[in-house]
Amino acid sequence: MPRPRTPEIAVDVVIELLDRPGRPIVLIRRDRPPSGHALPGGFVDIGETVERAAEREAREETGLEVTLGDLLGVYSDPGRDPRGHTVSIVYVATASGAPKAGDDAA
């Protein structure tokens, strides 16, 4: 029996900067469509846990080493991503240092 076709799985990370006044949250400006601001994140690779994907995507897009905290939520509305049906698993994390754009973050 063939495997069912399922949505893509992505992770997003709400990163709180512990060493900044007011402990701001990091957003990225997207360098690729869809344009605008977003939480750091991206797709989970085959063979990768969602936790490792969240840490990797945060590092690739912000240059920050994050410490994952709580799971904030799972978002699965089929219309939430114009690129196609994507399920996003969102974590809260902390980090210190200066974010530096990388990967697909402008």
PDB file of N, CA and C in Angstrom:
ATOM      1  N   MET A   1       0.845  -1.183   0.000  1.00  0.00           N
ATOM      2  CA  MET A   1       0.000   0.000   0.000  1.00  0.00           C
ATOM      3  C   MET A   1       0.893   1.249   0.000  1.00  0.00           C
ATOM      4  N   PRO A   2       0.623   2.199  -0.885  1.00  0.00           N
ATOM      5  CA  PRO A   2       1.452   3.411  -0.927  1.00  0.00           C
ATOM      6  C   PRO A   2       1.255   4.280   0.313  1.00  0.00           C
ATOM      7  N   ARG A   3       2.321   4.990   0.674  1.00  0.00           N
ATOM      8  CA  ARG A   3       2.233   5.905   1.825  1.00  0.00           C
ATOM      9  C   ARG A   3       1.364   7.089   1.456  1.00  0.00           C
ATOM     10  N   PRO A   4       0.617   7.626   2.421  1.00  0.00           N
ATOM     11  CA  PRO A   4      -0.219   8.792   2.121  1.00  0.00           C
ATOM     12  C   PRO A   4       0.634  10.032   1.890  1.00  0.00           C
ATOM     13  N   ARG A   5       0.133  10.952   1.099  1.00  0.00           N
ATOM     14  CA  ARG A   5       0.799  12.240   0.891  1.00  0.00           C
ATOM     15  C   ARG A   5       0.447  13.119   2.080  1.00  0.00           C
ATOM     16  N   THR A   6       1.448  13.711   2.716  1.00  0.00           N
ATOM     17  CA  THR A   6       1.222  14.503   3.921  1.00  0.00           C
ATOM     18  C   THR A   6       1.853  15.883   3.781  1.00  0.00           C
ATOM     19  N   PRO A   7       1.461  16.823   4.671  1.00  0.00           N
ATOM     20  CA  PRO A   7       2.057  18.159   4.625  1.00  0.00           C
ATOM     21  C   PRO A   7       3.551  18.124   4.960  1.00  0.00           C
ATOM     22  N   GLU A   8       4.247  19.164   4.535  1.00  0.00           N
ATOM     23  CA  GLU A   8       5.640  19.356   4.933  1.00  0.00           C
ATOM     24  C   GLU A   8       5.669  19.690   6.421  1.00  0.00           C
ATOM     25  N   ILE A   9       6.777  19.352   7.091  1.00  0.00           N
ATOM     26  CA  ILE A   9       6.936  19.679   8.511  1.00  0.00           C
ATOM     27  C   ILE A   9       8.018  20.740   8.638  1.00  0.00           C
ATOM     28  N   ALA A  10       7.690  21.795   9.383  1.00  0.00           N
ATOM     29  CA  ALA A  10       8.629  22.885   9.603  1.00  0.00           C
ATOM     30  C   ALA A  10       8.711  23.182  11.095  1.00  0.00           C
ATOM     31  N   VAL A  11       9.736  23.910  11.461  1.00  0.00           N
ATOM     32  CA  VAL A  11       9.898  24.391  12.833  1.00  0.00           C
ATOM     33  C   VAL A  11      10.107  25.896  12.795  1.00  0.00           C
ATOM     34  N   ASP A  12       9.651  26.561  13.827  1.00  0.00           N
ATOM     35  CA  ASP A  12       9.901  27.983  14.020  1.00  0.00           C
ATOM     36  C   ASP A  12      10.330  28.165  15.463  1.00  0.00           C
ATOM     37  N   VAL A  13      11.107  29.229  15.718  1.00  0.00           N
ATOM     38  CA  VAL A  13      11.655  29.428  17.056  1.00  0.00           C
ATOM     39  C   VAL A  13      11.452  30.876  17.500  1.00  0.00           C
ATOM     40  N   VAL A  14      10.797  31.038  18.643  1.00  0.00           N
ATOM     41  CA  VAL A  14      10.674  32.334  19.294  1.00  0.00           C
ATOM     42  C   VAL A  14      11.916  32.457  20.173  1.00  0.00           C
ATOM     43  N   ILE A  15      12.882  33.287  19.747  1.00  0.00           N
ATOM     44  CA  ILE A  15      14.157  33.409  20.461  1.00  0.00           C
ATOM     45  C   ILE A  15      14.142  34.678  21.304  1.00  0.00           C
ATOM     46  N   GLU A  16      14.311  34.504  22.606  1.00  0.00           N
ATOM     47  CA  GLU A  16      14.395  35.624  23.542  1.00  0.00           C
ATOM     48  C   GLU A  16      15.871  35.877  23.852  1.00  0.00           C
ATOM     49  N   LEU A  17      16.314  37.114  23.659  1.00  0.00           N
ATOM     50  CA  LEU A  17      17.712  37.469  23.910  1.00  0.00           C
ATOM     51  C   LEU A  17      17.894  37.843  25.376  1.00  0.00           C
ATOM     52  N   LEU A  18      18.543  36.966  26.123  1.00  0.00           N
ATOM     53  CA  LEU A  18      18.679  37.128  27.571  1.00  0.00           C
ATOM     54  C   LEU A  18      19.592  38.274  27.982  1.00  0.00           C
ATOM     55  N   ASP A  19      20.551  38.633  27.129  1.00  0.00           N
ATOM     56  CA  ASP A  19      21.535  39.641  27.501  1.00  0.00           C
ATOM     57  C   ASP A  19      21.201  41.043  26.981  1.00  0.00           C
ATOM     58  N   ARG A  20      19.986  41.257  26.543  1.00  0.00           N
ATOM     59  CA  ARG A  20      19.550  42.561  26.041  1.00  0.00           C
ATOM     60  C   ARG A  20      18.484  43.152  26.954  1.00  0.00           C
ATOM     61  N   PRO A  21      18.495  44.465  27.140  1.00  0.00           N
ATOM     62  CA  PRO A  21      17.448  45.098  27.947  1.00  0.00           C
ATOM     63  C   PRO A  21      16.061  44.777  27.383  1.00  0.00           C
ATOM     64  N   GLY A  22      15.160  44.402  28.244  1.00  0.00           N
ATOM     65  CA  GLY A  22      13.807  44.062  27.819  1.00  0.00           C
ATOM     66  C   GLY A  22      13.670  42.686  27.216  1.00  0.00           C
ATOM     67  N   ARG A  23      14.771  41.968  27.087  1.00  0.00           N
ATOM     68  CA  ARG A  23      14.777  40.603  26.544  1.00  0.00           C
ATOM     69  C   ARG A  23      13.968  40.497  25.247  1.00  0.00           C
ATOM     70  N   PRO A  24      14.417  41.202  24.188  1.00  0.00           N
ATOM     71  CA  PRO A  24      13.652  41.232  22.938  1.00  0.00           C
ATOM     72  C   PRO A  24      13.594  39.868  22.243  1.00  0.00           C
ATOM     73  N   ILE A  25      12.651  39.770  21.333  1.00  0.00           N
ATOM     74  CA  ILE A  25      12.445  38.578  20.512  1.00  0.00           C
ATOM     75  C   ILE A  25      13.076  38.822  19.141  1.00  0.00           C
ATOM     76  N   VAL A  26      13.721  37.806  18.590  1.00  0.00           N
ATOM     77  CA  VAL A  26      14.393  37.909  17.294  1.00  0.00           C
ATOM     78  C   VAL A  26      13.410  37.590  16.170  1.00  0.00           C
ATOM     79  N   LEU A  27      13.323  38.500  15.204  1.00  0.00           N
ATOM     80  CA  LEU A  27      12.605  38.256  13.959  1.00  0.00           C
ATOM     81  C   LEU A  27      13.604  38.359  12.821  1.00  0.00           C
ATOM     82  N   ILE A  28      13.324  37.675  11.738  1.00  0.00           N
ATOM     83  CA  ILE A  28      14.149  37.802  10.542  1.00  0.00           C
ATOM     84  C   ILE A  28      13.338  38.489   9.448  1.00  0.00           C
ATOM     85  N   ARG A  29      14.033  39.149   8.556  1.00  0.00           N
ATOM     86  CA  ARG A  29      13.409  39.648   7.327  1.00  0.00           C
ATOM     87  C   ARG A  29      13.722  38.607   6.266  1.00  0.00           C
ATOM     88  N   ARG A  30      12.677  38.053   5.662  1.00  0.00           N
ATOM     89  CA  ARG A  30      12.861  36.962   4.713  1.00  0.00           C
ATOM     90  C   ARG A  30      13.545  37.457   3.439  1.00  0.00           C
ATOM     91  N   ASP A  31      14.524  36.687   2.962  1.00  0.00           N
ATOM     92  CA  ASP A  31      15.262  37.004   1.744  1.00  0.00           C
ATOM     93  C   ASP A  31      14.630  36.335   0.528  1.00  0.00           C
ATOM     94  N   ARG A  32      13.727  35.396   0.776  1.00  0.00           N
ATOM     95  CA  ARG A  32      13.048  34.649  -0.288  1.00  0.00           C
ATOM     96  C   ARG A  32      11.544  34.710  -0.046  1.00  0.00           C
ATOM     97  N   PRO A  33      10.742  34.506  -1.106  1.00  0.00           N
ATOM     98  CA  PRO A  33       9.286  34.511  -0.911  1.00  0.00           C
ATOM     99  C   PRO A  33       8.849  33.401   0.040  1.00  0.00           C
ATOM    100  N   PRO A  34       7.815  33.622   0.814  1.00  0.00           N
ATOM    101  CA  PRO A  34       7.039  34.859   0.897  1.00  0.00           C
ATOM    102  C   PRO A  34       7.811  35.936   1.663  1.00  0.00           C
ATOM    103  N   SER A  35       7.671  37.183   1.210  1.00  0.00           N
ATOM    104  CA  SER A  35       8.427  38.285   1.794  1.00  0.00           C
ATOM    105  C   SER A  35       7.845  38.687   3.146  1.00  0.00           C
ATOM    106  N   GLY A  36       8.596  39.520   3.858  1.00  0.00           N
ATOM    107  CA  GLY A  36       8.149  40.040   5.142  1.00  0.00           C
ATOM    108  C   GLY A  36       9.011  39.553   6.283  1.00  0.00           C
ATOM    109  N   HIS A  37       8.519  39.770   7.481  1.00  0.00           N
ATOM    110  CA  HIS A  37       9.215  39.342   8.693  1.00  0.00           C
ATOM    111  C   HIS A  37       8.657  38.006   9.167  1.00  0.00           C
ATOM    112  N   ALA A  38       9.498  37.238   9.841  1.00  0.00           N
ATOM    113  CA  ALA A  38       9.081  35.920  10.318  1.00  0.00           C
ATOM    114  C   ALA A  38       9.926  35.515  11.514  1.00  0.00           C
ATOM    115  N   LEU A  39       9.466  34.505  12.197  1.00  0.00           N
ATOM    116  CA  LEU A  39      10.291  33.857  13.204  1.00  0.00           C
ATOM    117  C   LEU A  39      11.367  33.057  12.471  1.00  0.00           C
ATOM    118  N   PRO A  40      12.551  32.925  13.050  1.00  0.00           N
ATOM    119  CA  PRO A  40      13.550  32.037  12.441  1.00  0.00           C
ATOM    120  C   PRO A  40      12.997  30.615  12.391  1.00  0.00           C
ATOM    121  N   GLY A  41      13.240  29.936  11.302  1.00  0.00           N
ATOM    122  CA  GLY A  41      12.752  28.565  11.182  1.00  0.00           C
ATOM    123  C   GLY A  41      12.902  28.042   9.776  1.00  0.00           C
ATOM    124  N   GLY A  42      12.421  26.822   9.587  1.00  0.00           N
ATOM    125  CA  GLY A  42      12.503  26.204   8.274  1.00  0.00           C
ATOM    126  C   GLY A  42      12.074  24.757   8.329  1.00  0.00           C
ATOM    127  N   PHE A  43      12.332  24.058   7.253  1.00  0.00           N
ATOM    128  CA  PHE A  43      11.870  22.689   7.113  1.00  0.00           C
ATOM    129  C   PHE A  43      12.768  21.688   7.851  1.00  0.00           C
ATOM    130  N   VAL A  44      12.140  20.629   8.333  1.00  0.00           N
ATOM    131  CA  VAL A  44      12.837  19.530   8.999  1.00  0.00           C
ATOM    132  C   VAL A  44      13.415  18.621   7.919  1.00  0.00           C
ATOM    133  N   ASP A  45      14.685  18.283   8.044  1.00  0.00           N
ATOM    134  CA  ASP A  45      15.333  17.374   7.100  1.00  0.00           C
ATOM    135  C   ASP A  45      15.003  15.922   7.438  1.00  0.00           C
ATOM    136  N   ILE A  46      15.026  15.073   6.424  1.00  0.00           N
ATOM    137  CA  ILE A  46      14.839  13.634   6.637  1.00  0.00           C
ATOM    138  C   ILE A  46      15.924  13.147   7.593  1.00  0.00           C
ATOM    139  N   GLY A  47      15.544  12.360   8.594  1.00  0.00           N
ATOM    140  CA  GLY A  47      16.493  11.816   9.559  1.00  0.00           C
ATOM    141  C   GLY A  47      16.817  12.756  10.706  1.00  0.00           C
ATOM    142  N   GLU A  48      16.160  13.891  10.782  1.00  0.00           N
ATOM    143  CA  GLU A  48      16.442  14.911  11.797  1.00  0.00           C
ATOM    144  C   GLU A  48      15.256  15.034  12.745  1.00  0.00           C
ATOM    145  N   THR A  49      15.523  15.174  14.035  1.00  0.00           N
ATOM    146  CA  THR A  49      14.433  15.422  14.974  1.00  0.00           C
ATOM    147  C   THR A  49      13.978  16.869  14.831  1.00  0.00           C
ATOM    148  N   VAL A  50      12.757  17.147  15.262  1.00  0.00           N
ATOM    149  CA  VAL A  50      12.271  18.525  15.177  1.00  0.00           C
ATOM    150  C   VAL A  50      13.063  19.443  16.101  1.00  0.00           C
ATOM    151  N   GLU A  51      13.530  18.935  17.228  1.00  0.00           N
ATOM    152  CA  GLU A  51      14.339  19.742  18.150  1.00  0.00           C
ATOM    153  C   GLU A  51      15.655  20.153  17.492  1.00  0.00           C
ATOM    154  N   ARG A  52      16.328  19.203  16.860  1.00  0.00           N
ATOM    155  CA  ARG A  52      17.598  19.513  16.192  1.00  0.00           C
ATOM    156  C   ARG A  52      17.364  20.455  15.016  1.00  0.00           C
ATOM    157  N   ALA A  53      16.260  20.277  14.306  1.00  0.00           N
ATOM    158  CA  ALA A  53      15.933  21.173  13.197  1.00  0.00           C
ATOM    159  C   ALA A  53      15.736  22.598  13.705  1.00  0.00           C
ATOM    160  N   ALA A  54      15.067  22.759  14.837  1.00  0.00           N
ATOM    161  CA  ALA A  54      14.850  24.091  15.411  1.00  0.00           C
ATOM    162  C   ALA A  54      16.181  24.741  15.776  1.00  0.00           C
ATOM    163  N   GLU A  55      17.068  23.993  16.405  1.00  0.00           N
ATOM    164  CA  GLU A  55      18.386  24.525  16.761  1.00  0.00           C
ATOM    165  C   GLU A  55      19.189  24.882  15.515  1.00  0.00           C
ATOM    166  N   ARG A  56      19.154  24.011  14.512  1.00  0.00           N
ATOM    167  CA  ARG A  56      19.905  24.237  13.267  1.00  0.00           C
ATOM    168  C   ARG A  56      19.385  25.463  12.524  1.00  0.00           C
ATOM    169  N   GLU A  57      18.068  25.537  12.368  1.00  0.00           N
ATOM    170  CA  GLU A  57      17.490  26.668  11.636  1.00  0.00           C
ATOM    171  C   GLU A  57      17.761  27.992  12.357  1.00  0.00           C
ATOM    172  N   ALA A  58      17.666  27.995  13.682  1.00  0.00           N
ATOM    173  CA  ALA A  58      17.972  29.212  14.441  1.00  0.00           C
ATOM    174  C   ALA A  58      19.424  29.632  14.204  1.00  0.00           C
ATOM    175  N   ARG A  59      20.341  28.679  14.245  1.00  0.00           N
ATOM    176  CA  ARG A  59      21.767  28.967  14.034  1.00  0.00           C
ATOM    177  C   ARG A  59      22.013  29.454  12.604  1.00  0.00           C
ATOM    178  N   GLU A  60      21.421  28.778  11.610  1.00  0.00           N
ATOM    179  CA  GLU A  60      21.637  29.162  10.215  1.00  0.00           C
ATOM    180  C   GLU A  60      21.098  30.559   9.906  1.00  0.00           C
ATOM    181  N   GLU A  61      19.947  30.895  10.458  1.00  0.00           N
ATOM    182  CA  GLU A  61      19.300  32.165  10.103  1.00  0.00           C
ATOM    183  C   GLU A  61      19.695  33.336  10.985  1.00  0.00           C
ATOM    184  N   THR A  62      20.186  33.070  12.204  1.00  0.00           N
ATOM    185  CA  THR A  62      20.504  34.172  13.129  1.00  0.00           C
ATOM    186  C   THR A  62      21.924  34.147  13.641  1.00  0.00           C
ATOM    187  N   GLY A  63      22.647  33.044  13.452  1.00  0.00           N
ATOM    188  CA  GLY A  63      23.988  32.907  14.000  1.00  0.00           C
ATOM    189  C   GLY A  63      24.005  32.640  15.492  1.00  0.00           C
ATOM    190  N   LEU A  64      22.839  32.434  16.092  1.00  0.00           N
ATOM    191  CA  LEU A  64      22.746  32.233  17.545  1.00  0.00           C
ATOM    192  C   LEU A  64      22.647  30.756  17.896  1.00  0.00           C
ATOM    193  N   GLU A  65      23.315  30.381  18.971  1.00  0.00           N
ATOM    194  CA  GLU A  65      23.149  29.051  19.556  1.00  0.00           C
ATOM    195  C   GLU A  65      22.021  29.168  20.578  1.00  0.00           C
ATOM    196  N   VAL A  66      20.932  28.463  20.350  1.00  0.00           N
ATOM    197  CA  VAL A  66      19.767  28.602  21.212  1.00  0.00           C
ATOM    198  C   VAL A  66      19.664  27.440  22.182  1.00  0.00           C
ATOM    199  N   THR A  67      18.985  27.723  23.287  1.00  0.00           N
ATOM    200  CA  THR A  67      18.588  26.684  24.229  1.00  0.00           C
ATOM    201  C   THR A  67      17.077  26.576  24.136  1.00  0.00           C
ATOM    202  N   LEU A  68      16.610  25.430  23.656  1.00  0.00           N
ATOM    203  CA  LEU A  68      15.169  25.254  23.506  1.00  0.00           C
ATOM    204  C   LEU A  68      14.499  25.142  24.861  1.00  0.00           C
ATOM    205  N   GLY A  69      13.329  25.746  24.949  1.00  0.00           N
ATOM    206  CA  GLY A  69      12.496  25.655  26.138  1.00  0.00           C
ATOM    207  C   GLY A  69      11.227  24.907  25.797  1.00  0.00           C
ATOM    208  N   ASP A  70      10.116  25.546  26.087  1.00  0.00           N
ATOM    209  CA  ASP A  70       8.813  24.913  25.899  1.00  0.00           C
ATOM    210  C   ASP A  70       8.384  24.859  24.439  1.00  0.00           C
ATOM    211  N   LEU A  71       7.515  23.919  24.168  1.00  0.00           N
ATOM    212  CA  LEU A  71       6.811  23.862  22.898  1.00  0.00           C
ATOM    213  C   LEU A  71       5.689  24.884  22.985  1.00  0.00           C
ATOM    214  N   LEU A  72       5.664  25.851  22.084  1.00  0.00           N
ATOM    215  CA  LEU A  72       4.630  26.883  22.097  1.00  0.00           C
ATOM    216  C   LEU A  72       3.342  26.378  21.467  1.00  0.00           C
ATOM    217  N   GLY A  73       3.468  25.658  20.354  1.00  0.00           N
ATOM    218  CA  GLY A  73       2.274  25.157  19.690  1.00  0.00           C
ATOM    219  C   GLY A  73       2.597  24.503  18.371  1.00  0.00           C
ATOM    220  N   VAL A  74       1.555  23.912  17.791  1.00  0.00           N
ATOM    221  CA  VAL A  74       1.642  23.288  16.478  1.00  0.00           C
ATOM    222  C   VAL A  74       0.569  23.948  15.625  1.00  0.00           C
ATOM    223  N   TYR A  75       0.975  24.455  14.474  1.00  0.00           N
ATOM    224  CA  TYR A  75       0.085  25.232  13.624  1.00  0.00           C
ATOM    225  C   TYR A  75      -0.056  24.531  12.276  1.00  0.00           C
ATOM    226  N   SER A  76      -1.297  24.233  11.886  1.00  0.00           N
ATOM    227  CA  SER A  76      -1.496  23.345  10.745  1.00  0.00           C
ATOM    228  C   SER A  76      -2.557  23.811   9.749  1.00  0.00           C
ATOM    229  N   ASP A  77      -3.011  25.041   9.843  1.00  0.00           N
ATOM    230  CA  ASP A  77      -4.003  25.528   8.893  1.00  0.00           C
ATOM    231  C   ASP A  77      -3.460  25.351   7.475  1.00  0.00           C
ATOM    232  N   PRO A  78      -4.168  24.629   6.606  1.00  0.00           N
ATOM    233  CA  PRO A  78      -3.655  24.387   5.251  1.00  0.00           C
ATOM    234  C   PRO A  78      -3.358  25.651   4.456  1.00  0.00           C
ATOM    235  N   GLY A  79      -3.970  26.788   4.802  1.00  0.00           N
ATOM    236  CA  GLY A  79      -3.754  28.018   4.062  1.00  0.00           C
ATOM    237  C   GLY A  79      -2.737  28.960   4.673  1.00  0.00           C
ATOM    238  N   ARG A  80      -2.051  28.544   5.751  1.00  0.00           N
ATOM    239  CA  ARG A  80      -1.149  29.460   6.460  1.00  0.00           C
ATOM    240  C   ARG A  80       0.138  29.769   5.698  1.00  0.00           C
ATOM    241  N   ASP A  81       0.563  28.908   4.789  1.00  0.00           N
ATOM    242  CA  ASP A  81       1.800  29.120   4.036  1.00  0.00           C
ATOM    243  C   ASP A  81       1.465  29.114   2.550  1.00  0.00           C
ATOM    244  N   PRO A  82       1.738  30.215   1.846  1.00  0.00           N
ATOM    245  CA  PRO A  82       1.390  30.271   0.423  1.00  0.00           C
ATOM    246  C   PRO A  82       2.155  29.269  -0.441  1.00  0.00           C
ATOM    247  N   ARG A  83       3.215  28.675   0.093  1.00  0.00           N
ATOM    248  CA  ARG A  83       3.993  27.697  -0.681  1.00  0.00           C
ATOM    249  C   ARG A  83       3.364  26.311  -0.661  1.00  0.00           C
ATOM    250  N   GLY A  84       2.394  26.096   0.217  1.00  0.00           N
ATOM    251  CA  GLY A  84       1.746  24.793   0.312  1.00  0.00           C
ATOM    252  C   GLY A  84       1.447  24.436   1.747  1.00  0.00           C
ATOM    253  N   HIS A  85       0.715  23.349   1.931  1.00  0.00           N
ATOM    254  CA  HIS A  85       0.313  22.926   3.270  1.00  0.00           C
ATOM    255  C   HIS A  85       1.536  22.521   4.087  1.00  0.00           C
ATOM    256  N   THR A  86       1.774  23.283   5.143  1.00  0.00           N
ATOM    257  CA  THR A  86       2.921  23.069   6.019  1.00  0.00           C
ATOM    258  C   THR A  86       2.455  23.042   7.462  1.00  0.00           C
ATOM    259  N   VAL A  87       2.911  22.060   8.213  1.00  0.00           N
ATOM    260  CA  VAL A  87       2.667  22.006   9.654  1.00  0.00           C
ATOM    261  C   VAL A  87       3.909  22.559  10.328  1.00  0.00           C
ATOM    262  N   SER A  88       3.719  23.584  11.166  1.00  0.00           N
ATOM    263  CA  SER A  88       4.850  24.196  11.854  1.00  0.00           C
ATOM    264  C   SER A  88       4.786  23.914  13.344  1.00  0.00           C
ATOM    265  N   ILE A  89       5.893  23.432  13.865  1.00  0.00           N
ATOM    266  CA  ILE A  89       6.059  23.162  15.293  1.00  0.00           C
ATOM    267  C   ILE A  89       6.889  24.313  15.846  1.00  0.00           C
ATOM    268  N   VAL A  90       6.331  25.042  16.816  1.00  0.00           N
ATOM    269  CA  VAL A  90       6.978  26.266  17.287  1.00  0.00           C
ATOM    270  C   VAL A  90       7.486  26.088  18.712  1.00  0.00           C
ATOM    271  N   TYR A  91       8.769  26.401  18.899  1.00  0.00           N
ATOM    272  CA  TYR A  91       9.425  26.326  20.204  1.00  0.00           C
ATOM    273  C   TYR A  91       9.745  27.721  20.720  1.00  0.00           C
ATOM    274  N   VAL A  92       9.835  27.849  22.031  1.00  0.00           N
ATOM    275  CA  VAL A  92      10.367  29.032  22.687  1.00  0.00           C
ATOM    276  C   VAL A  92      11.805  28.695  23.049  1.00  0.00           C
ATOM    277  N   ALA A  93      12.720  29.649  22.849  1.00  0.00           N
ATOM    278  CA  ALA A  93      14.134  29.406  23.131  1.00  0.00           C
ATOM    279  C   ALA A  93      14.769  30.676  23.673  1.00  0.00           C
ATOM    280  N   THR A  94      15.944  30.505  24.252  1.00  0.00           N
ATOM    281  CA  THR A  94      16.725  31.633  24.728  1.00  0.00           C
ATOM    282  C   THR A  94      18.095  31.597  24.066  1.00  0.00           C
ATOM    283  N   ALA A  95      18.706  32.775  23.991  1.00  0.00           N
ATOM    284  CA  ALA A  95      20.055  32.897  23.439  1.00  0.00           C
ATOM    285  C   ALA A  95      20.667  34.187  23.951  1.00  0.00           C
ATOM    286  N   SER A  96      21.969  34.307  23.774  1.00  0.00           N
ATOM    287  CA  SER A  96      22.701  35.528  24.091  1.00  0.00           C
ATOM    288  C   SER A  96      23.569  35.870  22.897  1.00  0.00           C
ATOM    289  N   GLY A  97      23.853  37.153  22.739  1.00  0.00           N
ATOM    290  CA  GLY A  97      24.712  37.581  21.648  1.00  0.00           C
ATOM    291  C   GLY A  97      23.974  38.427  20.653  1.00  0.00           C
ATOM    292  N   ALA A  98      24.673  38.770  19.593  1.00  0.00           N
ATOM    293  CA  ALA A  98      24.123  39.619  18.535  1.00  0.00           C
ATOM    294  C   ALA A  98      23.702  38.761  17.347  1.00  0.00           C
ATOM    295  N   PRO A  99      22.427  38.794  16.988  1.00  0.00           N
ATOM    296  CA  PRO A  99      21.999  38.027  15.816  1.00  0.00           C
ATOM    297  C   PRO A  99      22.685  38.539  14.553  1.00  0.00           C
ATOM    298  N   LYS A 100      22.986  37.610  13.650  1.00  0.00           N
ATOM    299  CA  LYS A 100      23.591  37.958  12.366  1.00  0.00           C
ATOM    300  C   LYS A 100      22.849  37.167  11.285  1.00  0.00           C
ATOM    301  N   ALA A 101      22.261  37.884  10.328  1.00  0.00           N
ATOM    302  CA  ALA A 101      21.463  37.243   9.284  1.00  0.00           C
ATOM    303  C   ALA A 101      22.294  36.267   8.478  1.00  0.00           C
ATOM    304  N   GLY A 102      21.687  35.132   8.153  1.00  0.00           N
ATOM    305  CA  GLY A 102      22.333  34.125   7.343  1.00  0.00           C
ATOM    306  C   GLY A 102      21.296  33.275   6.651  1.00  0.00           C
ATOM    307  N   ASP A 103      21.716  32.345   5.822  1.00  0.00           N
ATOM    308  CA  ASP A 103      20.853  31.423   5.089  1.00  0.00           C
ATOM    309  C   ASP A 103      19.834  32.212   4.289  1.00  0.00           C
ATOM    310  N   ASP A 104      18.535  32.022   4.528  1.00  0.00           N
ATOM    311  CA  ASP A 104      17.533  32.761   3.754  1.00  0.00           C
ATOM    312  C   ASP A 104      16.969  33.959   4.518  1.00  0.00           C
ATOM    313  N   ALA A 105      17.714  34.443   5.512  1.00  0.00           N
ATOM    314  CA  ALA A 105      17.335  35.664   6.243  1.00  0.00           C
ATOM    315  C   ALA A 105      18.130  36.830   5.687  1.00  0.00           C
ATOM    316  N   ALA A 106      17.433  37.927   5.418  1.00  0.00           N
ATOM    317  CA  ALA A 106      18.111  39.124   4.920  1.00  0.00           C
ATOM    318  C   ALA A 106      18.644  39.928   6.080  1.00  0.00           C
TER     319      ALA A 106
END
